[in-house]
């Protein structure tokens, strides 16, 4: 998280620092990114940067959360399917996942950042940030699973926590692989249908 002094900067200066950091992290990944290059490109001193963020990990986590959050906002809210049958339930989820991946297809820089964010978990700071983001999704998954069970689209013989763990694990593998591919809208549509079909078979009654 940014330190309080960062929030006291003019909005334009905050955005300038974050844009430079986004470019650096998207180009080089967390491990290859240079805090000194970010500082130089942003036109600030090293001392100033440490007034704003405690570490490269904190800056990276803030940039990743902000950029990914804007992507999800542009795709619209997570839809809790209001479905009465399995086909409608899975169709709703497929449509949303396709919109997210189509957005990545139009922004290679953002796709690179997202791919690195999924993989960059060696640091305890980044592990906590990733867990926080996952935790924020759990209530939605619980609601969606409950709807899916009522629509006879999701099995009931397995605890919800295990179903969520399975979906998270498969989703991470899918996202990581997809974000390494050269994607276009047509390819996204085909691959998302396949992946949602895989999750559907894993969760089917």
Protein backbone atom coordinates (compact mmCIF):
# COMPACT_ATOMS: atom_id res chain seq x y z
CA UNK A 1 0.00 0.00 0.00
CA UNK A 2 1.19 3.54 -0.62
CA UNK A 3 2.34 5.57 2.35
CA UNK A 4 0.19 8.57 3.33
CA UNK A 5 2.55 11.05 1.66
CA UNK A 6 1.83 9.52 -1.75
CA UNK A 7 -1.86 10.34 -1.40
CA UNK A 8 -0.97 13.95 -0.62
CA UNK A 9 0.67 14.39 -4.04
CA UNK A 10 -1.33 16.05 -6.82
CA UNK A 11 -3.33 13.46 -8.74
CA UNK A 12 -1.37 14.13 -11.93
CA UNK A 13 1.94 13.41 -10.18
CA UNK A 14 0.57 10.22 -8.64
CA UNK A 15 -0.57 9.04 -12.06
CA UNK A 16 2.77 9.92 -13.65
CA UNK A 17 4.67 7.78 -11.12
CA UNK A 18 2.23 4.87 -11.48
CA UNK A 19 2.30 5.01 -15.28
CA UNK A 20 6.10 4.85 -15.33
CA UNK A 21 6.01 1.96 -12.85
CA UNK A 22 3.38 0.15 -14.93
CA UNK A 23 5.54 0.44 -18.05
CA UNK A 24 8.58 -0.88 -16.18
CA UNK A 25 6.81 -3.82 -14.55
CA UNK A 26 4.93 -4.78 -17.72
CA UNK A 27 8.14 -4.69 -19.76
CA UNK A 28 10.52 -6.39 -17.36
CA UNK A 29 8.33 -8.23 -14.84
CA UNK A 30 8.74 -7.81 -11.10
CA UNK A 31 12.12 -9.53 -10.85
CA UNK A 32 13.65 -7.72 -13.81
CA UNK A 33 12.18 -4.31 -13.04
CA UNK A 34 14.52 -1.64 -11.74
CA UNK A 35 13.33 0.75 -9.06
CA UNK A 36 16.13 3.11 -10.10
CA UNK A 37 14.80 3.21 -13.68
CA UNK A 38 11.33 4.01 -12.34
CA UNK A 39 12.73 6.77 -10.15
CA UNK A 40 14.72 8.29 -13.02
CA UNK A 41 11.82 8.11 -15.49
CA UNK A 42 9.42 9.62 -12.95
CA UNK A 43 11.83 12.47 -12.28
CA UNK A 44 11.89 12.03 -8.50
CA UNK A 45 14.63 11.28 -6.00
CA UNK A 46 15.19 7.89 -4.43
CA UNK A 47 14.47 9.39 -1.04
CA UNK A 48 11.12 10.67 -2.30
CA UNK A 49 10.15 7.24 -3.61
CA UNK A 50 10.68 5.72 -0.18
CA UNK A 51 8.45 8.42 1.27
CA UNK A 52 5.72 7.10 -1.02
CA UNK A 53 6.28 3.31 -0.94
CA UNK A 54 8.15 1.11 1.52
CA UNK A 55 9.58 -1.17 -1.17
CA UNK A 56 9.50 -2.28 -4.79
CA UNK A 57 7.05 -5.00 -3.70
CA UNK A 58 4.61 -2.44 -2.31
CA UNK A 59 4.82 -0.32 -5.48
CA UNK A 60 4.34 -3.37 -7.70
CA UNK A 61 1.36 -4.64 -5.71
CA UNK A 62 -0.29 -1.20 -5.83
CA UNK A 63 0.23 -0.90 -9.60
CA UNK A 64 -1.02 -4.44 -10.28
CA UNK A 65 -4.12 -4.05 -8.11
CA UNK A 66 -4.92 -0.71 -9.72
CA UNK A 67 -4.48 -1.84 -13.33
CA UNK A 68 -6.31 -5.15 -12.86
CA UNK A 69 -9.04 -3.41 -10.90
CA UNK A 70 -9.62 -0.99 -13.79
CA UNK A 71 -9.79 -3.92 -16.20
CA UNK A 72 -12.49 -5.62 -14.12
CA UNK A 73 -14.39 -2.34 -13.81
CA UNK A 74 -14.36 -1.89 -17.59
CA UNK A 75 -15.68 -5.43 -18.06
CA UNK A 76 -18.54 -4.73 -15.68
CA UNK A 77 -19.38 -6.27 -12.30
CA UNK A 78 -19.00 -9.99 -11.69
CA UNK A 79 -22.39 -11.40 -12.67
CA UNK A 80 -23.98 -13.74 -10.17
CA UNK A 81 -25.93 -15.86 -12.65
CA UNK A 82 -29.69 -15.63 -12.19
CA UNK A 83 -30.05 -18.98 -13.91
CA UNK A 84 -32.70 -21.65 -13.64
CA UNK A 85 -30.88 -24.28 -15.71
CA UNK A 86 -27.28 -25.45 -16.23
CA UNK A 87 -26.90 -24.06 -19.76
CA UNK A 88 -27.86 -20.52 -18.73
CA UNK A 89 -25.63 -20.68 -15.66
CA UNK A 90 -22.49 -21.68 -17.56
CA UNK A 91 -23.29 -19.35 -20.45
CA UNK A 92 -23.27 -16.36 -18.07
CA UNK A 93 -19.86 -17.30 -16.69
CA UNK A 94 -18.43 -17.99 -20.14
CA UNK A 95 -19.56 -14.58 -21.38
CA UNK A 96 -17.89 -12.76 -18.49
CA UNK A 97 -14.61 -14.69 -18.74
CA UNK A 98 -14.55 -14.02 -22.48
CA UNK A 99 -14.94 -10.27 -21.89
CA UNK A 100 -12.00 -10.29 -19.46
CA UNK A 101 -9.73 -12.22 -21.82
CA UNK A 102 -10.77 -10.09 -24.79
CA UNK A 103 -9.65 -7.03 -22.81
CA UNK A 104 -6.26 -8.64 -22.25
CA UNK A 105 -6.05 -9.47 -25.96
CA UNK A 106 -6.29 -5.77 -26.78
CA UNK A 107 -3.59 -4.78 -24.25
CA UNK A 108 -0.39 -6.89 -24.43
CA UNK A 109 1.17 -4.68 -21.75
CA UNK A 110 -1.62 -5.39 -19.31
CA UNK A 111 -1.55 -9.10 -20.19
CA UNK A 112 2.18 -9.17 -19.43
CA UNK A 113 1.62 -7.49 -16.06
CA UNK A 114 -1.21 -9.90 -15.20
CA UNK A 115 0.88 -12.93 -16.15
CA UNK A 116 3.77 -11.73 -14.02
CA UNK A 117 1.39 -10.92 -11.13
CA UNK A 118 0.12 -14.51 -11.12
CA UNK A 119 3.65 -15.90 -11.04
CA UNK A 120 5.44 -13.35 -8.81
CA UNK A 121 4.68 -14.85 -5.42
CA UNK A 122 8.12 -15.42 -3.93
CA UNK A 123 7.87 -12.35 -1.74
CA UNK A 124 5.70 -12.52 1.41
CA UNK A 125 4.44 -9.01 0.60
CA UNK A 126 3.23 -10.14 -2.81
CA UNK A 127 1.78 -13.36 -1.40
CA UNK A 128 -0.30 -11.31 1.04
CA UNK A 129 -1.48 -8.98 -1.72
CA UNK A 130 -2.48 -11.92 -3.92
CA UNK A 131 -4.31 -13.59 -1.04
CA UNK A 132 -6.17 -10.34 -0.34
CA UNK A 133 -7.33 -10.18 -3.95
CA UNK A 134 -8.38 -13.84 -3.91
CA UNK A 135 -10.18 -13.33 -0.61
CA UNK A 136 -12.19 -10.48 -2.08
CA UNK A 137 -13.55 -12.91 -4.69
CA UNK A 138 -14.63 -15.64 -2.27
CA UNK A 139 -18.08 -14.15 -1.44
CA UNK A 140 -18.88 -13.92 -5.15
CA UNK A 141 -17.82 -17.53 -5.71
CA UNK A 142 -19.94 -18.66 -2.77
CA UNK A 143 -22.99 -16.90 -4.22
CA UNK A 144 -22.34 -18.22 -7.72
CA UNK A 145 -21.91 -21.79 -6.48
CA UNK A 146 -25.15 -21.59 -4.50
CA UNK A 147 -27.01 -20.40 -7.63
CA UNK A 148 -25.34 -23.14 -9.65
CA UNK A 149 -26.44 -25.78 -7.19
CA UNK A 150 -30.03 -24.55 -7.28
CA UNK A 151 -29.90 -24.64 -11.09
CA UNK A 152 -28.51 -28.20 -10.96
CA UNK A 153 -25.31 -27.00 -12.64
CA UNK A 154 -22.95 -27.60 -9.69
CA UNK A 155 -22.51 -30.67 -7.53
CA UNK A 156 -23.61 -30.69 -3.90
CA UNK A 157 -21.61 -33.63 -2.58
CA UNK A 158 -18.39 -31.61 -2.09
CA UNK A 159 -17.83 -28.74 0.42
CA UNK A 160 -18.04 -25.30 -1.16
CA UNK A 161 -14.55 -24.45 0.08
CA UNK A 162 -13.12 -27.38 -1.90
CA UNK A 163 -15.06 -26.42 -5.02
CA UNK A 164 -13.71 -22.86 -4.74
CA UNK A 165 -10.16 -24.19 -4.30
CA UNK A 166 -10.57 -26.31 -7.43
CA UNK A 167 -11.89 -23.35 -9.43
CA UNK A 168 -9.10 -21.08 -8.20
CA UNK A 169 -6.45 -23.65 -9.10
CA UNK A 170 -7.85 -24.33 -12.56
CA UNK A 171 -8.46 -20.64 -13.15
CA UNK A 172 -4.89 -19.72 -12.28
CA UNK A 173 -3.54 -22.39 -14.64
CA UNK A 174 -5.87 -21.23 -17.40
CA UNK A 175 -5.09 -17.56 -16.95
CA UNK A 176 -1.34 -18.15 -16.85
CA UNK A 177 -1.41 -20.20 -20.04
CA UNK A 178 -3.80 -17.92 -21.90
CA UNK A 179 -1.74 -14.85 -21.10
CA UNK A 180 1.32 -16.43 -22.74
CA UNK A 181 -0.50 -16.83 -26.06
CA UNK A 182 -0.90 -14.51 -29.00
CA UNK A 183 -4.59 -13.80 -28.59
CA UNK A 184 -7.18 -12.38 -30.92
CA UNK A 185 -10.91 -12.12 -30.30
CA UNK A 186 -11.75 -15.22 -32.35
CA UNK A 187 -9.14 -17.32 -30.55
CA UNK A 188 -10.27 -15.99 -27.16
CA UNK A 189 -13.85 -17.07 -27.86
CA UNK A 190 -12.79 -20.61 -28.74
CA UNK A 191 -10.36 -21.09 -25.84
CA UNK A 192 -12.69 -19.63 -23.23
CA UNK A 193 -15.44 -22.02 -24.32
CA UNK A 194 -13.03 -24.95 -23.92
CA UNK A 195 -11.82 -23.79 -20.49
CA UNK A 196 -15.29 -23.14 -19.11
CA UNK A 197 -16.22 -26.60 -20.36
CA UNK A 198 -13.33 -28.05 -18.34
CA UNK A 199 -14.50 -26.29 -15.16
CA UNK A 200 -18.06 -27.36 -15.86
CA UNK A 201 -17.04 -31.01 -16.07
CA UNK A 202 -15.08 -30.71 -12.83
CA UNK A 203 -18.05 -29.20 -10.96
CA UNK A 204 -20.90 -31.08 -12.64
CA UNK A 205 -23.32 -33.06 -10.41
